[in-house]
Amino acid sequence: PEALPVVENHVKAFERSDYDVAVAPSGSCVSSVKHQHP
């Protein structure tokens, strides 16, 4: 439950921007975004 607003913030932040792809220099954080968030 504590993670929910954090995930919501990330989704909202990257929804608002106009871009083709996003990139991070981190496999662990990208795996969280791709797998843990949904």
PDB file of all heavy atoms in Angstrom:
ATOM      1  N   PRO A   1       0.825  -1.223   0.000  1.00  0.00           N
ATOM      2  CA  PRO A   1       0.000   0.000   0.000  1.00  0.00           C
ATOM      3  C   PRO A   1       0.854   1.265   0.000  1.00  0.00           C
ATOM      4  O   PRO A   1       0.505   2.259  -0.645  1.00  0.00           O
ATOM      5  CB  PRO A   1      -0.816  -0.119   1.292  1.00  0.00           C
ATOM      6  CG  PRO A   1      -0.845  -1.578   1.586  1.00  0.00           C
ATOM      7  CD  PRO A   1       0.486  -2.096   1.143  1.00  0.00           C
ATOM      8  N   GLU A   2       1.990   1.207   0.724  1.00  0.00           N
ATOM      9  CA  GLU A   2       2.864   2.382   0.782  1.00  0.00           C
ATOM     10  C   GLU A   2       3.531   2.654  -0.564  1.00  0.00           C
ATOM     11  O   GLU A   2       3.884   3.791  -0.879  1.00  0.00           O
ATOM     12  CB  GLU A   2       3.939   2.185   1.853  1.00  0.00           C
ATOM     13  CG  GLU A   2       3.426   2.173   3.281  1.00  0.00           C
ATOM     14  CD  GLU A   2       2.885   0.820   3.735  1.00  0.00           C
ATOM     15  OE1 GLU A   2       2.813  -0.114   2.894  1.00  0.00           O
ATOM     16  OE2 GLU A   2       2.538   0.700   4.916  1.00  0.00           O
ATOM     17  N   ALA A   3       3.706   1.600  -1.357  1.00  0.00           N
ATOM     18  CA  ALA A   3       4.336   1.755  -2.666  1.00  0.00           C
ATOM     19  C   ALA A   3       3.392   2.346  -3.705  1.00  0.00           C
ATOM     20  O   ALA A   3       3.836   2.915  -4.708  1.00  0.00           O
ATOM     21  CB  ALA A   3       4.845   0.404  -3.170  1.00  0.00           C
ATOM     22  N   LEU A   4       2.087   2.222  -3.472  1.00  0.00           N
ATOM     23  CA  LEU A   4       1.112   2.638  -4.480  1.00  0.00           C
ATOM     24  C   LEU A   4       1.267   4.090  -4.921  1.00  0.00           C
ATOM     25  O   LEU A   4       1.342   4.357  -6.135  1.00  0.00           O
ATOM     26  CB  LEU A   4      -0.311   2.380  -3.975  1.00  0.00           C
ATOM     27  CG  LEU A   4      -1.433   2.723  -4.958  1.00  0.00           C
ATOM     28  CD1 LEU A   4      -1.302   1.898  -6.244  1.00  0.00           C
ATOM     29  CD2 LEU A   4      -2.801   2.475  -4.303  1.00  0.00           C
ATOM     30  N   PRO A   5       1.328   5.080  -4.001  1.00  0.00           N
ATOM     31  CA  PRO A   5       1.482   6.467  -4.472  1.00  0.00           C
ATOM     32  C   PRO A   5       2.810   6.709  -5.191  1.00  0.00           C
ATOM     33  O   PRO A   5       2.892   7.592  -6.063  1.00  0.00           O
ATOM     34  CB  PRO A   5       1.377   7.305  -3.196  1.00  0.00           C
ATOM     35  CG  PRO A   5       1.659   6.361  -2.075  1.00  0.00           C
ATOM     36  CD  PRO A   5       1.158   5.032  -2.537  1.00  0.00           C
ATOM     37  N   VAL A   6       3.830   5.936  -4.844  1.00  0.00           N
ATOM     38  CA  VAL A   6       5.129   6.076  -5.507  1.00  0.00           C
ATOM     39  C   VAL A   6       5.023   5.605  -6.953  1.00  0.00           C
ATOM     40  O   VAL A   6       5.518   6.253  -7.882  1.00  0.00           O
ATOM     41  CB  VAL A   6       6.212   5.279  -4.745  1.00  0.00           C
ATOM     42  CG1 VAL A   6       7.579   5.510  -5.373  1.00  0.00           C
ATOM     43  CG2 VAL A   6       6.239   5.654  -3.275  1.00  0.00           C
ATOM     44  N   VAL A   7       4.358   4.469  -7.137  1.00  0.00           N
ATOM     45  CA  VAL A   7       4.154   3.932  -8.487  1.00  0.00           C
ATOM     46  C   VAL A   7       3.253   4.864  -9.290  1.00  0.00           C
ATOM     47  O   VAL A   7       3.524   5.149 -10.472  1.00  0.00           O
ATOM     48  CB  VAL A   7       3.543   2.517  -8.411  1.00  0.00           C
ATOM     49  CG1 VAL A   7       3.103   2.042  -9.793  1.00  0.00           C
ATOM     50  CG2 VAL A   7       4.552   1.542  -7.804  1.00  0.00           C
ATOM     51  N   GLU A   8       2.189   5.351  -8.665  1.00  0.00           N
ATOM     52  CA  GLU A   8       1.287   6.288  -9.350  1.00  0.00           C
ATOM     53  C   GLU A   8       2.035   7.528  -9.815  1.00  0.00           C
ATOM     54  O   GLU A   8       1.800   8.034 -10.923  1.00  0.00           O
ATOM     55  CB  GLU A   8       0.146   6.681  -8.419  1.00  0.00           C
ATOM     56  CG  GLU A   8      -0.883   5.583  -8.209  1.00  0.00           C
ATOM     57  CD  GLU A   8      -1.967   5.972  -7.214  1.00  0.00           C
ATOM     58  OE1 GLU A   8      -1.665   6.727  -6.255  1.00  0.00           O
ATOM     59  OE2 GLU A   8      -3.111   5.530  -7.390  1.00  0.00           O
ATOM     60  N   ASN A   9       2.952   8.028  -8.989  1.00  0.00           N
ATOM     61  CA  ASN A   9       3.723   9.209  -9.356  1.00  0.00           C
ATOM     62  C   ASN A   9       4.605   8.942 -10.569  1.00  0.00           C
ATOM     63  O   ASN A   9       4.708   9.779 -11.475  1.00  0.00           O
ATOM     64  CB  ASN A   9       4.600   9.667  -8.189  1.00  0.00           C
ATOM     65  CG  ASN A   9       5.426  10.885  -8.535  1.00  0.00           C
ATOM     66  OD1 ASN A   9       4.927  12.004  -8.581  1.00  0.00           O
ATOM     67  ND2 ASN A   9       6.706  10.691  -8.797  1.00  0.00           N
ATOM     68  N   HIS A  10       5.247   7.760 -10.595  1.00  0.00           N
ATOM     69  CA  HIS A  10       6.116   7.435 -11.729  1.00  0.00           C
ATOM     70  C   HIS A  10       5.311   7.346 -13.023  1.00  0.00           C
ATOM     71  O   HIS A  10       5.713   7.903 -14.050  1.00  0.00           O
ATOM     72  CB  HIS A  10       6.846   6.116 -11.489  1.00  0.00           C
ATOM     73  CG  HIS A  10       7.796   5.773 -12.589  1.00  0.00           C
ATOM     74  ND1 HIS A  10       9.106   6.197 -12.603  1.00  0.00           N
ATOM     75  CD2 HIS A  10       7.617   5.070 -13.746  1.00  0.00           C
ATOM     76  CE1 HIS A  10       9.692   5.767 -13.710  1.00  0.00           C
ATOM     77  NE2 HIS A  10       8.812   5.083 -14.417  1.00  0.00           N
ATOM     78  N   VAL A  11       4.185   6.645 -12.949  1.00  0.00           N
ATOM     79  CA  VAL A  11       3.344   6.500 -14.142  1.00  0.00           C
ATOM     80  C   VAL A  11       2.880   7.862 -14.634  1.00  0.00           C
ATOM     81  O   VAL A  11       2.958   8.172 -15.835  1.00  0.00           O
ATOM     82  CB  VAL A  11       2.145   5.576 -13.837  1.00  0.00           C
ATOM     83  CG1 VAL A  11       1.154   5.582 -15.003  1.00  0.00           C
ATOM     84  CG2 VAL A  11       2.619   4.152 -13.563  1.00  0.00           C
ATOM     85  N   LYS A  12       2.416   8.695 -13.720  1.00  0.00           N
ATOM     86  CA  LYS A  12       1.923  10.020 -14.090  1.00  0.00           C
ATOM     87  C   LYS A  12       3.030  10.879 -14.696  1.00  0.00           C
ATOM     88  O   LYS A  12       2.836  11.571 -15.701  1.00  0.00           O
ATOM     89  CB  LYS A  12       1.352  10.707 -12.843  1.00  0.00           C
ATOM     90  CG  LYS A  12       0.511  11.934 -13.131  1.00  0.00           C
ATOM     91  CD  LYS A  12      -0.013  12.559 -11.842  1.00  0.00           C
ATOM     92  CE  LYS A  12      -0.945  11.607 -11.107  1.00  0.00           C
ATOM     93  NZ  LYS A  12      -1.488  12.224  -9.856  1.00  0.00           N
ATOM     94  N   ALA A  13       4.220  10.832 -14.092  1.00  0.00           N
ATOM     95  CA  ALA A  13       5.340  11.650 -14.577  1.00  0.00           C
ATOM     96  C   ALA A  13       5.727  11.284 -16.003  1.00  0.00           C
ATOM     97  O   ALA A  13       6.014  12.165 -16.829  1.00  0.00           O
ATOM     98  CB  ALA A  13       6.543  11.476 -13.652  1.00  0.00           C
ATOM     99  N   PHE A  14       5.721   9.983 -16.313  1.00  0.00           N
ATOM    100  CA  PHE A  14       6.140   9.562 -17.645  1.00  0.00           C
ATOM    101  C   PHE A  14       4.994   9.543 -18.658  1.00  0.00           C
ATOM    102  O   PHE A  14       5.230   9.469 -19.850  1.00  0.00           O
ATOM    103  CB  PHE A  14       6.870   8.222 -17.566  1.00  0.00           C
ATOM    104  CG  PHE A  14       8.295   8.372 -17.121  1.00  0.00           C
ATOM    105  CD1 PHE A  14       8.605   8.470 -15.768  1.00  0.00           C
ATOM    106  CD2 PHE A  14       9.315   8.480 -18.041  1.00  0.00           C
ATOM    107  CE1 PHE A  14       9.918   8.651 -15.347  1.00  0.00           C
ATOM    108  CE2 PHE A  14      10.629   8.668 -17.633  1.00  0.00           C
ATOM    109  CZ  PHE A  14      10.928   8.756 -16.277  1.00  0.00           C
ATOM    110  N   GLU A  15       3.762   9.613 -18.173  1.00  0.00           N
ATOM    111  CA  GLU A  15       2.626   9.784 -19.084  1.00  0.00           C
ATOM    112  C   GLU A  15       2.549  11.206 -19.619  1.00  0.00           C
ATOM    113  O   GLU A  15       2.119  11.442 -20.746  1.00  0.00           O
ATOM    114  CB  GLU A  15       1.313   9.499 -18.341  1.00  0.00           C
ATOM    115  CG  GLU A  15       0.938   8.062 -18.206  1.00  0.00           C
ATOM    116  CD  GLU A  15      -0.369   7.895 -17.450  1.00  0.00           C
ATOM    117  OE1 GLU A  15      -0.742   8.803 -16.667  1.00  0.00           O
ATOM    118  OE2 GLU A  15      -1.026   6.869 -17.638  1.00  0.00           O
ATOM    119  N   ARG A  16       2.928  12.141 -18.788  1.00  0.00           N
ATOM    120  CA  ARG A  16       2.759  13.560 -19.135  1.00  0.00           C
ATOM    121  C   ARG A  16       3.688  14.024 -20.239  1.00  0.00           C
ATOM    122  O   ARG A  16       3.425  15.014 -20.916  1.00  0.00           O
ATOM    123  CB  ARG A  16       3.013  14.420 -17.883  1.00  0.00           C
ATOM    124  CG  ARG A  16       1.892  14.389 -16.868  1.00  0.00           C
ATOM    125  CD  ARG A  16       2.277  15.169 -15.635  1.00  0.00           C
ATOM    126  NE  ARG A  16       1.208  15.219 -14.661  1.00  0.00           N
ATOM    127  CZ  ARG A  16       1.348  15.614 -13.400  1.00  0.00           C
ATOM    128  NH1 ARG A  16       2.546  15.991 -12.975  1.00  0.00           N
ATOM    129  NH2 ARG A  16       0.327  15.639 -12.578  1.00  0.00           N
ATOM    130  N   SER A  17       4.815  13.354 -20.403  1.00  0.00           N
ATOM    131  CA  SER A  17       5.827  13.800 -21.355  1.00  0.00           C
ATOM    132  C   SER A  17       5.637  13.160 -22.725  1.00  0.00           C
ATOM    133  O   SER A  17       5.183  12.026 -22.838  1.00  0.00           O
ATOM    134  CB  SER A  17       7.225  13.469 -20.818  1.00  0.00           C
ATOM    135  OG  SER A  17       7.454  14.111 -19.587  1.00  0.00           O
ATOM    136  N   ASP A  18       6.011  13.897 -23.753  1.00  0.00           N
ATOM    137  CA  ASP A  18       5.933  13.420 -25.135  1.00  0.00           C
ATOM    138  C   ASP A  18       7.302  12.858 -25.519  1.00  0.00           C
ATOM    139  O   ASP A  18       8.269  13.604 -25.646  1.00  0.00           O
ATOM    140  CB  ASP A  18       5.547  14.583 -26.046  1.00  0.00           C
ATOM    141  CG  ASP A  18       5.518  14.168 -27.517  1.00  0.00           C
ATOM    142  OD1 ASP A  18       5.330  12.962 -27.786  1.00  0.00           O
ATOM    143  OD2 ASP A  18       5.709  15.042 -28.380  1.00  0.00           O
ATOM    144  N   TYR A  19       7.395  11.538 -25.678  1.00  0.00           N
ATOM    145  CA  TYR A  19       8.669  10.910 -26.014  1.00  0.00           C
ATOM    146  C   TYR A  19       8.405   9.581 -26.721  1.00  0.00           C
ATOM    147  O   TYR A  19       7.301   9.037 -26.656  1.00  0.00           O
ATOM    148  CB  TYR A  19       9.520  10.700 -24.759  1.00  0.00           C
ATOM    149  CG  TYR A  19       8.886   9.781 -23.734  1.00  0.00           C
ATOM    150  CD1 TYR A  19       9.146   8.410 -23.709  1.00  0.00           C
ATOM    151  CD2 TYR A  19       8.005  10.286 -22.771  1.00  0.00           C
ATOM    152  CE1 TYR A  19       8.556   7.578 -22.772  1.00  0.00           C
ATOM    153  CE2 TYR A  19       7.415   9.452 -21.829  1.00  0.00           C
ATOM    154  CZ  TYR A  19       7.696   8.105 -21.835  1.00  0.00           C
ATOM    155  OH  TYR A  19       7.111   7.277 -20.917  1.00  0.00           O
ATOM    156  N   ASP A  20       9.448   9.087 -27.373  1.00  0.00           N
ATOM    157  CA  ASP A  20       9.335   7.807 -28.081  1.00  0.00           C
ATOM    158  C   ASP A  20       9.606   6.626 -27.152  1.00  0.00           C
ATOM    159  O   ASP A  20       8.863   5.640 -27.141  1.00  0.00           O
ATOM    160  CB  ASP A  20      10.304   7.769 -29.263  1.00  0.00           C
ATOM    161  CG  ASP A  20       9.990   8.854 -30.281  1.00  0.00           C
ATOM    162  OD1 ASP A  20       8.860   8.859 -30.795  1.00  0.00           O
ATOM    163  OD2 ASP A  20      10.872   9.697 -30.544  1.00  0.00           O
ATOM    164  N   VAL A  21      10.710   6.704 -26.412  1.00  0.00           N
ATOM    165  CA  VAL A  21      11.076   5.664 -25.456  1.00  0.00           C
ATOM    166  C   VAL A  21      11.688   6.321 -24.232  1.00  0.00           C
ATOM    167  O   VAL A  21      12.149   7.468 -24.286  1.00  0.00           O
ATOM    168  CB  VAL A  21      12.091   4.646 -26.048  1.00  0.00           C
ATOM    169  CG1 VAL A  21      11.472   3.821 -27.170  1.00  0.00           C
ATOM    170  CG2 VAL A  21      13.355   5.353 -26.530  1.00  0.00           C
ATOM    171  N   ALA A  22      11.705   5.591 -23.117  1.00  0.00           N
ATOM    172  CA  ALA A  22      12.393   6.040 -21.906  1.00  0.00           C
ATOM    173  C   ALA A  22      13.561   5.104 -21.647  1.00  0.00           C
ATOM    174  O   ALA A  22      13.524   3.924 -22.018  1.00  0.00           O
ATOM    175  CB  ALA A  22      11.442   6.051 -20.718  1.00  0.00           C
ATOM    176  N   VAL A  23      14.604   5.624 -20.988  1.00  0.00           N
ATOM    177  CA  VAL A  23      15.789   4.810 -20.715  1.00  0.00           C
ATOM    178  C   VAL A  23      16.297   5.085 -19.312  1.00  0.00           C
ATOM    179  O   VAL A  23      16.191   6.210 -18.808  1.00  0.00           O
ATOM    180  CB  VAL A  23      16.911   5.088 -21.746  1.00  0.00           C
ATOM    181  CG1 VAL A  23      17.441   6.512 -21.613  1.00  0.00           C
ATOM    182  CG2 VAL A  23      18.046   4.077 -21.618  1.00  0.00           C
ATOM    183  N   ALA A  24      16.837   4.050 -18.683  1.00  0.00           N
ATOM    184  CA  ALA A  24      17.469   4.193 -17.373  1.00  0.00           C
ATOM    185  C   ALA A  24      18.765   3.400 -17.354  1.00  0.00           C
ATOM    186  O   ALA A  24      18.818   2.296 -17.902  1.00  0.00           O
ATOM    187  CB  ALA A  24      16.549   3.706 -16.263  1.00  0.00           C
ATOM    188  N   PRO A  25      19.809   3.931 -16.709  1.00  0.00           N
ATOM    189  CA  PRO A  25      21.063   3.172 -16.575  1.00  0.00           C
ATOM    190  C   PRO A  25      20.986   2.228 -15.378  1.00  0.00           C
ATOM    191  O   PRO A  25      21.847   2.215 -14.508  1.00  0.00           O
ATOM    192  CB  PRO A  25      22.106   4.281 -16.355  1.00  0.00           C
ATOM    193  CG  PRO A  25      21.344   5.362 -15.648  1.00  0.00           C
ATOM    194  CD  PRO A  25      19.939   5.303 -16.182  1.00  0.00           C
ATOM    195  N   SER A  26      19.918   1.432 -15.325  1.00  0.00           N
ATOM    196  CA  SER A  26      19.686   0.547 -14.183  1.00  0.00           C
ATOM    197  C   SER A  26      18.740  -0.581 -14.561  1.00  0.00           C
ATOM    198  O   SER A  26      17.560  -0.341 -14.836  1.00  0.00           O
ATOM    199  CB  SER A  26      19.084   1.340 -13.012  1.00  0.00           C
ATOM    200  OG  SER A  26      18.581   0.476 -12.023  1.00  0.00           O
ATOM    201  N   GLY A  27      19.241  -1.810 -14.535  1.00  0.00           N
ATOM    202  CA  GLY A  27      18.388  -2.952 -14.826  1.00  0.00           C
ATOM    203  C   GLY A  27      17.352  -3.190 -13.741  1.00  0.00           C
ATOM    204  O   GLY A  27      16.219  -3.578 -14.024  1.00  0.00           O
ATOM    205  N   SER A  28      17.712  -2.953 -12.487  1.00  0.00           N
ATOM    206  CA  SER A  28      16.787  -3.235 -11.391  1.00  0.00           C
ATOM    207  C   SER A  28      15.592  -2.286 -11.415  1.00  0.00           C
ATOM    208  O   SER A  28      14.449  -2.719 -11.209  1.00  0.00           O
ATOM    209  CB  SER A  28      17.509  -3.154 -10.043  1.00  0.00           C
ATOM    210  OG  SER A  28      18.005  -1.862  -9.792  1.00  0.00           O
ATOM    211  N   CYS A  29      15.826  -1.016 -11.670  1.00  0.00           N
ATOM    212  CA  CYS A  29      14.717  -0.048 -11.689  1.00  0.00           C
ATOM    213  C   CYS A  29      13.824  -0.264 -12.912  1.00  0.00           C
ATOM    214  O   CYS A  29      12.597  -0.128 -12.821  1.00  0.00           O
ATOM    215  CB  CYS A  29      15.254   1.374 -11.653  1.00  0.00           C
ATOM    216  SG  CYS A  29      16.116   1.769 -10.113  1.00  0.00           S
ATOM    217  N   VAL A  30      14.419  -0.588 -14.038  1.00  0.00           N
ATOM    218  CA  VAL A  30      13.617  -0.871 -15.234  1.00  0.00           C
ATOM    219  C   VAL A  30      12.784  -2.133 -15.026  1.00  0.00           C
ATOM    220  O   VAL A  30      11.614  -2.194 -15.432  1.00  0.00           O
ATOM    221  CB  VAL A  30      14.507  -0.991 -16.489  1.00  0.00           C
ATOM    222  CG1 VAL A  30      13.699  -1.504 -17.681  1.00  0.00           C
ATOM    223  CG2 VAL A  30      15.128   0.357 -16.825  1.00  0.00           C
ATOM    224  N   SER A  31      13.358  -3.134 -14.373  1.00  0.00           N
ATOM    225  CA  SER A  31      12.580  -4.344 -14.112  1.00  0.00           C
ATOM    226  C   SER A  31      11.421  -4.057 -13.171  1.00  0.00           C
ATOM    227  O   SER A  31      10.354  -4.654 -13.297  1.00  0.00           O
ATOM    228  CB  SER A  31      13.475  -5.446 -13.540  1.00  0.00           C
ATOM    229  OG  SER A  31      13.890  -5.157 -12.224  1.00  0.00           O
ATOM    230  N   SER A  32      11.598  -3.112 -12.250  1.00  0.00           N
ATOM    231  CA  SER A  32      10.503  -2.719 -11.366  1.00  0.00           C
ATOM    232  C   SER A  32       9.390  -2.046 -12.160  1.00  0.00           C
ATOM    233  O   SER A  32       8.207  -2.366 -12.003  1.00  0.00           O
ATOM    234  CB  SER A  32      11.007  -1.776 -10.272  1.00  0.00           C
ATOM    235  OG  SER A  32       9.966  -1.408  -9.395  1.00  0.00           O
ATOM    236  N   VAL A  33       9.771  -1.128 -13.033  1.00  0.00           N
ATOM    237  CA  VAL A  33       8.787  -0.406 -13.854  1.00  0.00           C
ATOM    238  C   VAL A  33       8.029  -1.369 -14.772  1.00  0.00           C
ATOM    239  O   VAL A  33       6.797  -1.283 -14.906  1.00  0.00           O
ATOM    240  CB  VAL A  33       9.485   0.696 -14.684  1.00  0.00           C
ATOM    241  CG1 VAL A  33       8.549   1.262 -15.745  1.00  0.00           C
ATOM    242  CG2 VAL A  33       9.978   1.806 -13.764  1.00  0.00           C
ATOM    243  N   LYS A  34       8.734  -2.295 -15.381  1.00  0.00           N
ATOM    244  CA  LYS A  34       8.111  -3.187 -16.366  1.00  0.00           C
ATOM    245  C   LYS A  34       7.309  -4.322 -15.719  1.00  0.00           C
ATOM    246  O   LYS A  34       6.302  -4.761 -16.277  1.00  0.00           O
ATOM    247  CB  LYS A  34       9.182  -3.782 -17.286  1.00  0.00           C
ATOM    248  CG  LYS A  34       9.875  -2.766 -18.159  1.00  0.00           C
ATOM    249  CD  LYS A  34      10.940  -3.395 -19.035  1.00  0.00           C
ATOM    250  CE  LYS A  34      10.389  -3.931 -20.329  1.00  0.00           C
ATOM    251  NZ  LYS A  34       9.933  -2.896 -21.256  1.00  0.00           N
ATOM    252  N   HIS A  35       7.757  -4.794 -14.570  1.00  0.00           N
ATOM    253  CA  HIS A  35       7.133  -5.980 -13.973  1.00  0.00           C
ATOM    254  C   HIS A  35       6.408  -5.712 -12.652  1.00  0.00           C
ATOM    255  O   HIS A  35       5.293  -6.170 -12.454  1.00  0.00           O
ATOM    256  CB  HIS A  35       8.195  -7.071 -13.782  1.00  0.00           C
ATOM    257  CG  HIS A  35       8.856  -7.503 -15.051  1.00  0.00           C
ATOM    258  ND1 HIS A  35       8.210  -8.275 -16.000  1.00  0.00           N
ATOM    259  CD2 HIS A  35      10.089  -7.249 -15.546  1.00  0.00           C
ATOM    260  CE1 HIS A  35       9.024  -8.477 -17.025  1.00  0.00           C
ATOM    261  NE2 HIS A  35      10.168  -7.872 -16.772  1.00  0.00           N
ATOM    262  N   GLN A  36       7.068  -4.979 -11.755  1.00  0.00           N
ATOM    263  CA  GLN A  36       6.470  -4.773 -10.434  1.00  0.00           C
ATOM    264  C   GLN A  36       5.302  -3.789 -10.452  1.00  0.00           C
ATOM    265  O   GLN A  36       4.334  -3.969  -9.708  1.00  0.00           O
ATOM    266  CB  GLN A  36       7.531  -4.298  -9.440  1.00  0.00           C
ATOM    267  CG  GLN A  36       8.532  -5.368  -9.068  1.00  0.00           C
ATOM    268  CD  GLN A  36       9.499  -4.898  -7.992  1.00  0.00           C
ATOM    269  OE1 GLN A  36       9.838  -3.710  -7.906  1.00  0.00           O
ATOM    270  NE2 GLN A  36       9.952  -5.819  -7.151  1.00  0.00           N
ATOM    271  N   HIS A  37       5.390  -2.752 -11.265  1.00  0.00           N
ATOM    272  CA  HIS A  37       4.319  -1.742 -11.274  1.00  0.00           C
ATOM    273  C   HIS A  37       2.971  -2.333 -11.688  1.00  0.00           C
ATOM    274  O   HIS A  37       1.983  -2.154 -10.969  1.00  0.00           O
ATOM    275  CB  HIS A  37       4.712  -0.573 -12.176  1.00  0.00           C
ATOM    276  CG  HIS A  37       5.747   0.319 -11.576  1.00  0.00           C
ATOM    277  ND1 HIS A  37       6.068   1.564 -12.088  1.00  0.00           N
ATOM    278  CD2 HIS A  37       6.552   0.160 -10.488  1.00  0.00           C
ATOM    279  CE1 HIS A  37       7.015   2.118 -11.357  1.00  0.00           C
ATOM    280  NE2 HIS A  37       7.330   1.280 -10.390  1.00  0.00           N
ATOM    281  N   PRO A  38       2.892  -3.046 -12.817  1.00  0.00           N
ATOM    282  CA  PRO A  38       1.602  -3.660 -13.166  1.00  0.00           C
ATOM    283  C   PRO A  38       1.151  -4.696 -12.139  1.00  0.00           C
ATOM    284  O   PRO A  38      -0.041  -4.797 -11.833  1.00  0.00           O
ATOM    285  CB  PRO A  38       1.878  -4.311 -14.528  1.00  0.00           C
ATOM    286  CG  PRO A  38       3.038  -3.560 -15.085  1.00  0.00           C
ATOM    287  CD  PRO A  38       3.881  -3.220 -13.899  1.00  0.00           C
TER     288      PRO A  38
END
